Amino acid sequence: MTDLEVHILRTVSDDFESLDIIFGSLAKEGIDGCLDRNRVVEALRSLIQKGLVSAYHLSPKEPYSTLTALTDDAAYTLWYRATRSGLAVLSDC
């Protein structure tokens, strides 16, 4: 797992986070210097394919969260959260 993936996984480990929040967290840690949003989306896609993060559509009405696929069109409107497997990987880091 890359350093970028580890940081993203930590960012989404305790709550649903948007791409803007993830990118802001990277900037706060000084990791954003050579990153663009496409690279962050690709890292998220990799984490999702590994089963470590899930993508959700959130709503103020029931169902409040719906598991969904990460697509390029929806990447900026979805919310992300670590899975149980992702949390287990973090505990080993």
PDB file of N, CA and C in Angstrom:
ATOM      1  N   MET A   1       0.852  -1.171   0.000  1.00  0.00           N
ATOM      2  CA  MET A   1       0.000   0.000   0.000  1.00  0.00           C
ATOM      3  C   MET A   1       0.901   1.239   0.000  1.00  0.00           C
ATOM      4  N   THR A   2       0.526   2.237  -0.809  1.00  0.00           N
ATOM      5  CA  THR A   2       1.326   3.454  -0.912  1.00  0.00           C
ATOM      6  C   THR A   2       1.104   4.346   0.311  1.00  0.00           C
ATOM      7  N   ASP A   3       2.019   5.293   0.504  1.00  0.00           N
ATOM      8  CA  ASP A   3       1.853   6.267   1.591  1.00  0.00           C
ATOM      9  C   ASP A   3       0.561   7.059   1.415  1.00  0.00           C
ATOM     10  N   LEU A   4       0.251   7.400   0.173  1.00  0.00           N
ATOM     11  CA  LEU A   4      -0.987   8.130  -0.107  1.00  0.00           C
ATOM     12  C   LEU A   4      -2.192   7.300   0.309  1.00  0.00           C
ATOM     13  N   GLU A   5      -2.205   6.026  -0.023  1.00  0.00           N
ATOM     14  CA  GLU A   5      -3.325   5.159   0.355  1.00  0.00           C
ATOM     15  C   GLU A   5      -3.449   5.039   1.871  1.00  0.00           C
ATOM     16  N   VAL A   6      -2.327   4.927   2.565  1.00  0.00           N
ATOM     17  CA  VAL A   6      -2.362   4.839   4.035  1.00  0.00           C
ATOM     18  C   VAL A   6      -2.961   6.110   4.620  1.00  0.00           C
ATOM     19  N   HIS A   7      -2.532   7.267   4.110  1.00  0.00           N
ATOM     20  CA  HIS A   7      -3.064   8.524   4.639  1.00  0.00           C
ATOM     21  C   HIS A   7      -4.565   8.639   4.369  1.00  0.00           C
ATOM     22  N   ILE A   8      -4.996   8.279   3.172  1.00  0.00           N
ATOM     23  CA  ILE A   8      -6.426   8.324   2.857  1.00  0.00           C
ATOM     24  C   ILE A   8      -7.192   7.375   3.764  1.00  0.00           C
ATOM     25  N   LEU A   9      -6.676   6.181   3.959  1.00  0.00           N
ATOM     26  CA  LEU A   9      -7.337   5.205   4.823  1.00  0.00           C
ATOM     27  C   LEU A   9      -7.465   5.741   6.242  1.00  0.00           C
ATOM     28  N   ARG A  10      -6.433   6.389   6.751  1.00  0.00           N
ATOM     29  CA  ARG A  10      -6.518   6.998   8.090  1.00  0.00           C
ATOM     30  C   ARG A  10      -7.574   8.097   8.125  1.00  0.00           C
ATOM     31  N   THR A  11      -7.631   8.881   7.064  1.00  0.00           N
ATOM     32  CA  THR A  11      -8.583   9.989   7.007  1.00  0.00           C
ATOM     33  C   THR A  11     -10.026   9.500   7.048  1.00  0.00           C
ATOM     34  N   VAL A  12     -10.310   8.379   6.403  1.00  0.00           N
ATOM     35  CA  VAL A  12     -11.691   7.873   6.335  1.00  0.00           C
ATOM     36  C   VAL A  12     -11.974   6.805   7.388  1.00  0.00           C
ATOM     37  N   SER A  13     -11.107   6.668   8.362  1.00  0.00           N
ATOM     38  CA  SER A  13     -11.241   5.571   9.321  1.00  0.00           C
ATOM     39  C   SER A  13     -12.270   5.817  10.426  1.00  0.00           C
ATOM     40  N   ASP A  14     -12.647   7.066  10.671  1.00  0.00           N
ATOM     41  CA  ASP A  14     -13.548   7.302  11.799  1.00  0.00           C
ATOM     42  C   ASP A  14     -14.882   7.935  11.424  1.00  0.00           C
ATOM     43  N   ASP A  15     -15.058   8.260  10.142  1.00  0.00           N
ATOM     44  CA  ASP A  15     -16.312   8.874   9.729  1.00  0.00           C
ATOM     45  C   ASP A  15     -16.380   8.887   8.202  1.00  0.00           C
ATOM     46  N   PHE A  16     -17.547   9.191   7.678  1.00  0.00           N
ATOM     47  CA  PHE A  16     -17.678   9.400   6.242  1.00  0.00           C
ATOM     48  C   PHE A  16     -16.937  10.685   5.890  1.00  0.00           C
ATOM     49  N   GLU A  17     -16.162  10.657   4.823  1.00  0.00           N
ATOM     50  CA  GLU A  17     -15.410  11.844   4.388  1.00  0.00           C
ATOM     51  C   GLU A  17     -15.592  12.039   2.891  1.00  0.00           C
ATOM     52  N   SER A  18     -15.724  13.296   2.488  1.00  0.00           N
ATOM     53  CA  SER A  18     -15.840  13.625   1.072  1.00  0.00           C
ATOM     54  C   SER A  18     -14.448  13.752   0.461  1.00  0.00           C
ATOM     55  N   LEU A  19     -14.400  13.807  -0.848  1.00  0.00           N
ATOM     56  CA  LEU A  19     -13.130  13.990  -1.537  1.00  0.00           C
ATOM     57  C   LEU A  19     -12.493  15.319  -1.140  1.00  0.00           C
ATOM     58  N   ASP A  20     -13.300  16.355  -0.965  1.00  0.00           N
ATOM     59  CA  ASP A  20     -12.757  17.651  -0.544  1.00  0.00           C
ATOM     60  C   ASP A  20     -12.115  17.558   0.842  1.00  0.00           C
ATOM     61  N   ILE A  21     -12.733  16.840   1.745  1.00  0.00           N
ATOM     62  CA  ILE A  21     -12.170  16.674   3.092  1.00  0.00           C
ATOM     63  C   ILE A  21     -10.878  15.869   3.021  1.00  0.00           C
ATOM     64  N   ILE A  22     -10.868  14.827   2.217  1.00  0.00           N
ATOM     65  CA  ILE A  22      -9.659  14.014   2.058  1.00  0.00           C
ATOM     66  C   ILE A  22      -8.527  14.861   1.496  1.00  0.00           C
ATOM     67  N   PHE A  23      -8.826  15.634   0.457  1.00  0.00           N
ATOM     68  CA  PHE A  23      -7.801  16.466  -0.151  1.00  0.00           C
ATOM     69  C   PHE A  23      -7.314  17.526   0.836  1.00  0.00           C
ATOM     70  N   GLY A  24      -8.227  18.091   1.614  1.00  0.00           N
ATOM     71  CA  GLY A  24      -7.855  19.060   2.648  1.00  0.00           C
ATOM     72  C   GLY A  24      -6.951  18.448   3.701  1.00  0.00           C
ATOM     73  N   SER A  25      -7.220  17.211   4.061  1.00  0.00           N
ATOM     74  CA  SER A  25      -6.377  16.510   5.030  1.00  0.00           C
ATOM     75  C   SER A  25      -4.970  16.303   4.478  1.00  0.00           C
ATOM     76  N   LEU A  26      -4.888  15.972   3.202  1.00  0.00           N
ATOM     77  CA  LEU A  26      -3.578  15.812   2.565  1.00  0.00           C
ATOM     78  C   LEU A  26      -2.818  17.137   2.563  1.00  0.00           C
ATOM     79  N   ALA A  27      -3.527  18.224   2.267  1.00  0.00           N
ATOM     80  CA  ALA A  27      -2.896  19.547   2.254  1.00  0.00           C
ATOM     81  C   ALA A  27      -2.416  19.927   3.647  1.00  0.00           C
ATOM     82  N   LYS A  28      -3.228  19.636   4.644  1.00  0.00           N
ATOM     83  CA  LYS A  28      -2.880  19.956   6.035  1.00  0.00           C
ATOM     84  C   LYS A  28      -1.604  19.232   6.465  1.00  0.00           C
ATOM     85  N   GLU A  29      -1.426  18.014   5.962  1.00  0.00           N
ATOM     86  CA  GLU A  29      -0.249  17.219   6.289  1.00  0.00           C
ATOM     87  C   GLU A  29       0.934  17.523   5.370  1.00  0.00           C
ATOM     88  N   GLY A  30       0.709  18.425   4.401  1.00  0.00           N
ATOM     89  CA  GLY A  30       1.784  18.785   3.481  1.00  0.00           C
ATOM     90  C   GLY A  30       2.050  17.748   2.414  1.00  0.00           C
ATOM     91  N   ILE A  31       1.076  16.891   2.157  1.00  0.00           N
ATOM     92  CA  ILE A  31       1.249  15.801   1.197  1.00  0.00           C
ATOM     93  C   ILE A  31       0.737  16.195  -0.183  1.00  0.00           C
ATOM     94  N   ASP A  32       0.067  17.338  -0.302  1.00  0.00           N
ATOM     95  CA  ASP A  32      -0.605  17.688  -1.553  1.00  0.00           C
ATOM     96  C   ASP A  32       0.294  18.302  -2.610  1.00  0.00           C
ATOM     97  N   GLY A  33       1.542  18.579  -2.312  1.00  0.00           N
ATOM     98  CA  GLY A  33       2.414  19.302  -3.227  1.00  0.00           C
ATOM     99  C   GLY A  33       2.456  18.764  -4.642  1.00  0.00           C
ATOM    100  N   CYS A  34       2.506  17.452  -4.800  1.00  0.00           N
ATOM    101  CA  CYS A  34       2.605  16.871  -6.142  1.00  0.00           C
ATOM    102  C   CYS A  34       1.351  16.097  -6.517  1.00  0.00           C
ATOM    103  N   LEU A  35       0.266  16.327  -5.799  1.00  0.00           N
ATOM    104  CA  LEU A  35      -0.955  15.568  -6.051  1.00  0.00           C
ATOM    105  C   LEU A  35      -1.985  16.395  -6.791  1.00  0.00           C
ATOM    106  N   ASP A  36      -2.730  15.740  -7.629  1.00  0.00           N
ATOM    107  CA  ASP A  36      -3.934  16.343  -8.167  1.00  0.00           C
ATOM    108  C   ASP A  36      -5.098  15.453  -7.748  1.00  0.00           C
ATOM    109  N   ARG A  37      -6.278  15.951  -7.934  1.00  0.00           N
ATOM    110  CA  ARG A  37      -7.455  15.204  -7.477  1.00  0.00           C
ATOM    111  C   ARG A  37      -7.603  13.867  -8.193  1.00  0.00           C
ATOM    112  N   ASN A  38      -7.176  13.798  -9.449  1.00  0.00           N
ATOM    113  CA  ASN A  38      -7.272  12.522 -10.163  1.00  0.00           C
ATOM    114  C   ASN A  38      -6.424  11.449  -9.503  1.00  0.00           C
ATOM    115  N   ARG A  39      -5.256  11.824  -9.014  1.00  0.00           N
ATOM    116  CA  ARG A  39      -4.397  10.849  -8.328  1.00  0.00           C
ATOM    117  C   ARG A  39      -5.042  10.370  -7.026  1.00  0.00           C
ATOM    118  N   VAL A  40      -5.699  11.286  -6.328  1.00  0.00           N
ATOM    119  CA  VAL A  40      -6.391  10.911  -5.092  1.00  0.00           C
ATOM    120  C   VAL A  40      -7.562   9.977  -5.414  1.00  0.00           C
ATOM    121  N   VAL A  41      -8.302  10.269  -6.480  1.00  0.00           N
ATOM    122  CA  VAL A  41      -9.412   9.397  -6.889  1.00  0.00           C
ATOM    123  C   VAL A  41      -8.881   8.019  -7.259  1.00  0.00           C
ATOM    124  N   GLU A  42      -7.765   7.953  -7.950  1.00  0.00           N
ATOM    125  CA  GLU A  42      -7.178   6.655  -8.305  1.00  0.00           C
ATOM    126  C   GLU A  42      -6.760   5.878  -7.050  1.00  0.00           C
ATOM    127  N   ALA A  43      -6.214   6.579  -6.047  1.00  0.00           N
ATOM    128  CA  ALA A  43      -5.856   5.914  -4.791  1.00  0.00           C
ATOM    129  C   ALA A  43      -7.112   5.397  -4.086  1.00  0.00           C
ATOM    130  N   LEU A  44      -8.175   6.187  -4.093  1.00  0.00           N
ATOM    131  CA  LEU A  44      -9.448   5.724  -3.526  1.00  0.00           C
ATOM    132  C   LEU A  44      -9.956   4.500  -4.267  1.00  0.00           C
ATOM    133  N   ARG A  45      -9.889   4.542  -5.580  1.00  0.00           N
ATOM    134  CA  ARG A  45     -10.334   3.404  -6.393  1.00  0.00           C
ATOM    135  C   ARG A  45      -9.546   2.145  -6.019  1.00  0.00           C
ATOM    136  N   SER A  46      -8.248   2.289  -5.839  1.00  0.00           N
ATOM    137  CA  SER A  46      -7.404   1.162  -5.450  1.00  0.00           C
ATOM    138  C   SER A  46      -7.816   0.619  -4.079  1.00  0.00           C
ATOM    139  N   LEU A  47      -8.063   1.518  -3.128  1.00  0.00           N
ATOM    140  CA  LEU A  47      -8.483   1.090  -1.789  1.00  0.00           C
ATOM    141  C   LEU A  47      -9.837   0.381  -1.832  1.00  0.00           C
ATOM    142  N   ILE A  48     -10.737   0.855  -2.681  1.00  0.00           N
ATOM    143  CA  ILE A  48     -12.044   0.219  -2.824  1.00  0.00           C
ATOM    144  C   ILE A  48     -11.883  -1.166  -3.443  1.00  0.00           C
ATOM    145  N   GLN A  49     -11.051  -1.280  -4.463  1.00  0.00           N
ATOM    146  CA  GLN A  49     -10.826  -2.583  -5.098  1.00  0.00           C
ATOM    147  C   GLN A  49     -10.200  -3.580  -4.133  1.00  0.00           C
ATOM    148  N   LYS A  50      -9.397  -3.097  -3.196  1.00  0.00           N
ATOM    149  CA  LYS A  50      -8.783  -3.958  -2.186  1.00  0.00           C
ATOM    150  C   LYS A  50      -9.742  -4.282  -1.045  1.00  0.00           C
ATOM    151  N   GLY A  51     -10.929  -3.670  -1.053  1.00  0.00           N
ATOM    152  CA  GLY A  51     -11.917  -3.920   0.001  1.00  0.00           C
ATOM    153  C   GLY A  51     -11.634  -3.171   1.286  1.00  0.00           C
ATOM    154  N   LEU A  52     -10.823  -2.117   1.237  1.00  0.00           N
ATOM    155  CA  LEU A  52     -10.429  -1.382   2.437  1.00  0.00           C
ATOM    156  C   LEU A  52     -11.253  -0.123   2.669  1.00  0.00           C
ATOM    157  N   VAL A  53     -11.886   0.372   1.622  1.00  0.00           N
ATOM    158  CA  VAL A  53     -12.727   1.573   1.691  1.00  0.00           C
ATOM    159  C   VAL A  53     -13.979   1.290   0.879  1.00  0.00           C
ATOM    160  N   SER A  54     -15.087   1.896   1.297  1.00  0.00           N
ATOM    161  CA  SER A  54     -16.337   1.822   0.539  1.00  0.00           C
ATOM    162  C   SER A  54     -16.786   3.235   0.199  1.00  0.00           C
ATOM    163  N   ALA A  55     -17.513   3.366  -0.917  1.00  0.00           N
ATOM    164  CA  ALA A  55     -18.064   4.645  -1.359  1.00  0.00           C
ATOM    165  C   ALA A  55     -19.568   4.633  -1.095  1.00  0.00           C
ATOM    166  N   TYR A  56     -20.081   5.776  -0.664  1.00  0.00           N
ATOM    167  CA  TYR A  56     -21.491   5.883  -0.303  1.00  0.00           C
ATOM    168  C   TYR A  56     -22.109   7.147  -0.873  1.00  0.00           C
ATOM    169  N   HIS A  57     -23.380   7.055  -1.151  1.00  0.00           N
ATOM    170  CA  HIS A  57     -24.199   8.227  -1.409  1.00  0.00           C
ATOM    171  C   HIS A  57     -24.925   8.494  -0.099  1.00  0.00           C
ATOM    172  N   LEU A  58     -24.794   9.709   0.442  1.00  0.00           N
ATOM    173  CA  LEU A  58     -25.475  10.057   1.686  1.00  0.00           C
ATOM    174  C   LEU A  58     -26.695  10.912   1.389  1.00  0.00           C
ATOM    175  N   SER A  59     -27.728  10.733   2.215  1.00  0.00           N
ATOM    176  CA  SER A  59     -28.988  11.440   2.028  1.00  0.00           C
ATOM    177  C   SER A  59     -29.559  11.837   3.382  1.00  0.00           C
ATOM    178  N   PRO A  60     -30.283  12.947   3.444  1.00  0.00           N
ATOM    179  CA  PRO A  60     -30.949  13.313   4.700  1.00  0.00           C
ATOM    180  C   PRO A  60     -32.196  12.468   4.976  1.00  0.00           C
ATOM    181  N   LYS A  61     -32.600  11.680   3.972  1.00  0.00           N
ATOM    182  CA  LYS A  61     -33.782  10.817   4.116  1.00  0.00           C
ATOM    183  C   LYS A  61     -33.353   9.359   4.066  1.00  0.00           C
ATOM    184  N   GLU A  62     -34.194   8.492   4.599  1.00  0.00           N
ATOM    185  CA  GLU A  62     -33.900   7.060   4.552  1.00  0.00           C
ATOM    186  C   GLU A  62     -33.904   6.563   3.127  1.00  0.00           C
ATOM    187  N   PRO A  63     -33.039   5.686   2.757  1.00  0.00           N
ATOM    188  CA  PRO A  63     -31.892   5.224   3.530  1.00  0.00           C
ATOM    189  C   PRO A  63     -30.820   6.314   3.564  1.00  0.00           C
ATOM    190  N   TYR A  64     -30.262   6.537   4.725  1.00  0.00           N
ATOM    191  CA  TYR A  64     -29.334   7.646   4.921  1.00  0.00           C
ATOM    192  C   TYR A  64     -28.009   7.446   4.202  1.00  0.00           C
ATOM    193  N   SER A  65     -27.605   6.221   4.062  1.00  0.00           N
ATOM    194  CA  SER A  65     -26.374   5.927   3.317  1.00  0.00           C
ATOM    195  C   SER A  65     -26.614   4.715   2.427  1.00  0.00           C
ATOM    196  N   THR A  66     -26.140   4.842   1.193  1.00  0.00           N
ATOM    197  CA  THR A  66     -26.298   3.771   0.223  1.00  0.00           C
ATOM    198  C   THR A  66     -24.935   3.453  -0.368  1.00  0.00           C
ATOM    199  N   LEU A  67     -24.513   2.213  -0.215  1.00  0.00           N
ATOM    200  CA  LEU A  67     -23.260   1.756  -0.793  1.00  0.00           C
ATOM    201  C   LEU A  67     -23.358   1.879  -2.311  1.00  0.00           C
ATOM    202  N   THR A  68     -22.336   2.436  -2.937  1.00  0.00           N
ATOM    203  CA  THR A  68     -22.384   2.656  -4.375  1.00  0.00           C
ATOM    204  C   THR A  68     -21.007   2.468  -4.996  1.00  0.00           C
ATOM    205  N   ALA A  69     -20.977   2.379  -6.295  1.00  0.00           N
ATOM    206  CA  ALA A  69     -19.706   2.221  -7.011  1.00  0.00           C
ATOM    207  C   ALA A  69     -19.071   3.591  -7.229  1.00  0.00           C
ATOM    208  N   LEU A  70     -17.764   3.616  -7.234  1.00  0.00           N
ATOM    209  CA  LEU A  70     -17.016   4.837  -7.522  1.00  0.00           C
ATOM    210  C   LEU A  70     -16.898   4.973  -9.035  1.00  0.00           C
ATOM    211  N   THR A  71     -17.470   6.043  -9.551  1.00  0.00           N
ATOM    212  CA  THR A  71     -17.328   6.361 -10.964  1.00  0.00           C
ATOM    213  C   THR A  71     -16.676   7.733 -11.069  1.00  0.00           C
ATOM    214  N   ASP A  72     -16.069   8.010 -12.211  1.00  0.00           N
ATOM    215  CA  ASP A  72     -15.432   9.314 -12.398  1.00  0.00           C
ATOM    216  C   ASP A  72     -16.432  10.446 -12.243  1.00  0.00           C
ATOM    217  N   ASP A  73     -17.638  10.260 -12.744  1.00  0.00           N
ATOM    218  CA  ASP A  73     -18.661  11.306 -12.664  1.00  0.00           C
ATOM    219  C   ASP A  73     -19.114  11.570 -11.231  1.00  0.00           C
ATOM    220  N   ALA A  74     -19.138  10.533 -10.401  1.00  0.00           N
ATOM    221  CA  ALA A  74     -19.673  10.669  -9.044  1.00  0.00           C
ATOM    222  C   ALA A  74     -18.600  10.868  -7.980  1.00  0.00           C
ATOM    223  N   ALA A  75     -17.348  10.777  -8.333  1.00  0.00           N
ATOM    224  CA  ALA A  75     -16.263  10.793  -7.337  1.00  0.00           C
ATOM    225  C   ALA A  75     -16.337  11.984  -6.392  1.00  0.00           C
ATOM    226  N   TYR A  76     -16.758  13.132  -6.896  1.00  0.00           N
ATOM    227  CA  TYR A  76     -16.767  14.349  -6.081  1.00  0.00           C
ATOM    228  C   TYR A  76     -18.040  14.518  -5.272  1.00  0.00           C
ATOM    229  N   THR A  77     -19.036  13.688  -5.495  1.00  0.00           N
ATOM    230  CA  THR A  77     -20.282  13.806  -4.743  1.00  0.00           C
ATOM    231  C   THR A  77     -20.457  12.673  -3.737  1.00  0.00           C
ATOM    232  N   LEU A  78     -19.582  11.682  -3.780  1.00  0.00           N
ATOM    233  CA  LEU A  78     -19.684  10.537  -2.872  1.00  0.00           C
ATOM    234  C   LEU A  78     -18.942  10.803  -1.570  1.00  0.00           C
ATOM    235  N   TRP A  79     -19.224   9.949  -0.607  1.00  0.00           N
ATOM    236  CA  TRP A  79     -18.558   9.976   0.691  1.00  0.00           C
ATOM    237  C   TRP A  79     -17.880   8.629   0.869  1.00  0.00           C
ATOM    238  N   TYR A  80     -16.775   8.620   1.594  1.00  0.00           N
ATOM    239  CA  TYR A  80     -15.928   7.428   1.703  1.00  0.00           C
ATOM    240  C   TYR A  80     -15.708   7.090   3.170  1.00  0.00           C
ATOM    241  N   ARG A  81     -15.632   5.774   3.422  1.00  0.00           N
ATOM    242  CA  ARG A  81     -15.401   5.307   4.789  1.00  0.00           C
ATOM    243  C   ARG A  81     -14.636   3.994   4.744  1.00  0.00           C
ATOM    244  N   ALA A  82     -13.748   3.815   5.716  1.00  0.00           N
ATOM    245  CA  ALA A  82     -12.985   2.572   5.810  1.00  0.00           C
ATOM    246  C   ALA A  82     -13.911   1.417   6.146  1.00  0.00           C
ATOM    247  N   THR A  83     -13.621   0.265   5.579  1.00  0.00           N
ATOM    248  CA  THR A  83     -14.348  -0.959   5.900  1.00  0.00           C
ATOM    249  C   THR A  83     -13.709  -1.594   7.141  1.00  0.00           C
ATOM    250  N   ARG A  84     -14.308  -2.659   7.638  1.00  0.00           N
ATOM    251  CA  ARG A  84     -13.698  -3.390   8.758  1.00  0.00           C
ATOM    252  C   ARG A  84     -12.315  -3.899   8.377  1.00  0.00           C
ATOM    253  N   SER A  85     -12.183  -4.361   7.138  1.00  0.00           N
ATOM    254  CA  SER A  85     -10.870  -4.822   6.667  1.00  0.00           C
ATOM    255  C   SER A  85      -9.875  -3.673   6.643  1.00  0.00           C
ATOM    256  N   GLY A  86     -10.336  -2.507   6.229  1.00  0.00           N
ATOM    257  CA  GLY A  86      -9.467  -1.334   6.216  1.00  0.00           C
ATOM    258  C   GLY A  86      -9.017  -0.945   7.604  1.00  0.00           C
ATOM    259  N   LEU A  87      -9.922  -1.012   8.563  1.00  0.00           N
ATOM    260  CA  LEU A  87      -9.567  -0.701   9.953  1.00  0.00           C
ATOM    261  C   LEU A  87      -8.558  -1.715  10.498  1.00  0.00           C
ATOM    262  N   ALA A  88      -8.730  -2.974  10.113  1.00  0.00           N
ATOM    263  CA  ALA A  88      -7.785  -4.011  10.551  1.00  0.00           C
ATOM    264  C   ALA A  88      -6.396  -3.745   9.983  1.00  0.00           C
ATOM    265  N   VAL A  89      -6.336  -3.337   8.722  1.00  0.00           N
ATOM    266  CA  VAL A  89      -5.037  -3.021   8.103  1.00  0.00           C
ATOM    267  C   VAL A  89      -4.397  -1.841   8.832  1.00  0.00           C
ATOM    268  N   LEU A  90      -5.191  -0.839   9.173  1.00  0.00           N
ATOM    269  CA  LEU A  90      -4.645   0.317   9.889  1.00  0.00           C
ATOM    270  C   LEU A  90      -4.067  -0.064  11.247  1.00  0.00           C
ATOM    271  N   SER A  91      -4.709  -0.993  11.907  1.00  0.00           N
ATOM    272  CA  SER A  91      -4.220  -1.382  13.235  1.00  0.00           C
ATOM    273  C   SER A  91      -2.866  -2.075  13.147  1.00  0.00           C
ATOM    274  N   ASP A  92      -2.526  -2.590  11.946  1.00  0.00           N
ATOM    275  CA  ASP A  92      -1.232  -3.225  11.746  1.00  0.00           C
ATOM    276  C   ASP A  92      -0.153  -2.245  11.286  1.00  0.00           C
ATOM    277  N   CYS A  93      -0.565  -1.020  10.932  1.00  0.00           N
ATOM    278  CA  CYS A  93       0.411  -0.027  10.437  1.00  0.00           C
ATOM    279  C   CYS A  93       1.147   0.651  11.582  1.00  0.00           C
TER     280      CYS A  93
END
